[in-house]
C-alpha atoms as a PDB file:
ATOM      1  CA  MET A   1      26.532 -15.103 144.570  1.00  0.00           C
ATOM      2  CA  LEU A   2      25.042 -18.090 145.849  1.00  0.00           C
ATOM      3  CA  TYR A   3      22.765 -18.789 143.180  1.00  0.00           C
ATOM      4  CA  SER A   4      24.673 -18.759 139.935  1.00  0.00           C
ATOM      5  CA  TYR A   5      26.557 -21.987 140.763  1.00  0.00           C
ATOM      6  CA  LYS A   6      23.203 -23.604 141.432  1.00  0.00           C
ATOM      7  CA  ILE A   7      21.696 -22.473 138.274  1.00  0.00           C
ATOM      8  CA  GLN A   8      24.504 -23.630 136.365  1.00  0.00           C
ATOM      9  CA  PHE A   9      24.302 -26.885 137.964  1.00  0.00           C
ATOM     10  CA  LEU A  10      20.712 -27.436 137.287  1.00  0.00           C
ATOM     11  CA  CYS A  11      20.809 -26.666 133.716  1.00  0.00           C
ATOM     12  CA  GLU A  12      23.843 -28.888 132.999  1.00  0.00           C
ATOM     13  CA  ARG A  13      22.167 -31.630 134.954  1.00  0.00           C
ATOM     14  CA  ARG A  14      18.604 -31.136 133.085  1.00  0.00           C
ATOM     15  CA  GLY A  15      20.153 -30.411 129.902  1.00  0.00           C
ATOM     16  CA  VAL A  16      18.789 -27.000 129.653  1.00  0.00           C
ATOM     17  CA  THR A  17      20.279 -23.969 127.925  1.00  0.00           C
ATOM     18  CA  TYR A  18      20.345 -20.518 129.074  1.00  0.00           C
ATOM     19  CA  ILE A  19      18.485 -19.427 125.693  1.00  0.00           C
ATOM     20  CA  THR A  20      15.756 -21.876 127.113  1.00  0.00           C
ATOM     21  CA  LEU A  21      15.759 -20.196 130.295  1.00  0.00           C
ATOM     22  CA  ALA A  22      15.932 -16.441 128.954  1.00  0.00           C
ATOM     23  CA  ASN A  23      12.845 -17.333 126.831  1.00  0.00           C
ATOM     24  CA  TYR A  24      10.987 -18.680 129.850  1.00  0.00           C
ATOM     25  CA  LEU A  25      11.918 -15.642 131.908  1.00  0.00           C
ATOM     26  CA  ASN A  26      11.058 -13.109 128.925  1.00  0.00           C
ATOM     27  CA  ILE A  27      14.280 -11.611 128.891  1.00  0.00           C
ATOM     28  CA  SER A  28      17.359 -11.454 126.655  1.00  0.00           C
ATOM     29  CA  LYS A  29      20.184 -14.085 126.908  1.00  0.00           C
ATOM     30  CA  SER A  30      22.592 -11.152 127.518  1.00  0.00           C
ATOM     31  CA  ARG A  31      20.607 -10.255 130.524  1.00  0.00           C
ATOM     32  CA  PHE A  32      20.406 -13.786 131.508  1.00  0.00           C
ATOM     33  CA  SER A  33      24.031 -14.430 131.298  1.00  0.00           C
ATOM     34  CA  ARG A  34      24.750 -11.360 133.265  1.00  0.00           C
ATOM     35  CA  TYR A  35      22.566 -12.554 136.313  1.00  0.00           C
ATOM     36  CA  VAL A  36      24.455 -16.114 135.672  1.00  0.00           C
ATOM     37  CA  ASN A  37      28.108 -14.836 135.484  1.00  0.00           C
ATOM     38  CA  GLU A  38      27.347 -12.285 138.743  1.00  0.00           C
ATOM     39  CA  LYS A  39      27.589  -9.239 136.895  1.00  0.00           C
ATOM     40  CA  GLU A  40      23.904  -8.079 138.267  1.00  0.00           C
ATOM     41  CA  LEU A  41      22.019  -9.522 140.762  1.00  0.00           C
ATOM     42  CA  MET A  42      18.716 -11.524 139.842  1.00  0.00           C
ATOM     43  CA  PRO A  43      15.539  -9.899 140.722  1.00  0.00           C
ATOM     44  CA  LEU A  44      13.626 -12.195 143.177  1.00  0.00           C
ATOM     45  CA  LYS A  45      10.763 -12.466 140.792  1.00  0.00           C
ATOM     46  CA  TYR A  46      13.209 -14.401 137.942  1.00  0.00           C
ATOM     47  CA  LEU A  47      14.574 -16.422 140.992  1.00  0.00           C
ATOM     48  CA  ASN A  48      11.145 -17.513 141.830  1.00  0.00           C
ATOM     49  CA  GLN A  49      10.086 -18.500 138.306  1.00  0.00           C
ATOM     50  CA  LEU A  50      13.296 -20.515 138.131  1.00  0.00           C
ATOM     51  CA  CYS A  51      12.656 -22.179 141.230  1.00  0.00           C
ATOM     52  CA  ASN A  52       9.282 -23.208 139.906  1.00  0.00           C
ATOM     53  CA  TYR A  53      10.895 -24.097 136.796  1.00  0.00           C
ATOM     54  CA  PHE A  54      13.311 -26.483 138.116  1.00  0.00           C
ATOM     55  CA  ASP A  55      10.842 -27.671 141.076  1.00  0.00           C
ATOM     56  CA  VAL A  56      13.406 -26.387 143.724  1.00  0.00           C
ATOM     57  CA  SER A  57      13.321 -24.262 146.803  1.00  0.00           C
ATOM     58  CA  PHE A  58      14.730 -21.191 147.438  1.00  0.00           C
ATOM     59  CA  ASP A  59      16.684 -22.826 150.276  1.00  0.00           C
ATOM     60  CA  TYR A  60      18.223 -25.155 147.461  1.00  0.00           C
ATOM     61  CA  ILE A  61      19.281 -22.382 145.197  1.00  0.00           C
ATOM     62  CA  PHE A  62      20.650 -20.461 148.203  1.00  0.00           C
ATOM     63  CA  SER A  63      22.576 -23.668 149.273  1.00  0.00           C
ATOM     64  CA  PHE A  64      20.695 -23.825 152.747  1.00  0.00           C
ATOM     65  CA  THR A  65      19.870 -27.326 151.792  1.00  0.00           C
ATOM     66  CA  ASP A  66      21.315 -29.665 149.717  1.00  0.00           C
ATOM     67  CA  LYS A  67      17.814 -31.271 149.131  1.00  0.00           C
ATOM     68  CA  CYS A  68      16.995 -30.088 145.632  1.00  0.00           C
ATOM     69  CA  CYS A  69      13.528 -30.913 145.246  1.00  0.00           C
ATOM     70  CA  TYR A  70      10.292 -30.570 147.579  1.00  0.00           C
ATOM     71  CA  GLN A  71       8.877 -33.746 149.256  1.00  0.00           C
ATOM     72  CA  GLN A  72       5.688 -34.606 147.862  1.00  0.00           C
ATOM     73  CA  GLN A  73       2.741 -34.662 150.633  1.00  0.00           C
END
């Protein structure tokens, strides 16, 4: 899947644990782990919440761009 690498990268880069993100999404750690380990597809609502959490775009999560952050207007 295209997004799992980016989520792992963002977690490592910002020092965020999967437990923290699972709690943020209000799901179990095991469910979050299944998403990141590509056992299940992550619903778009969770991907959207993660984009907001990390302040990145869907384009970045899905590797359509290398620009990780929104440009300030």
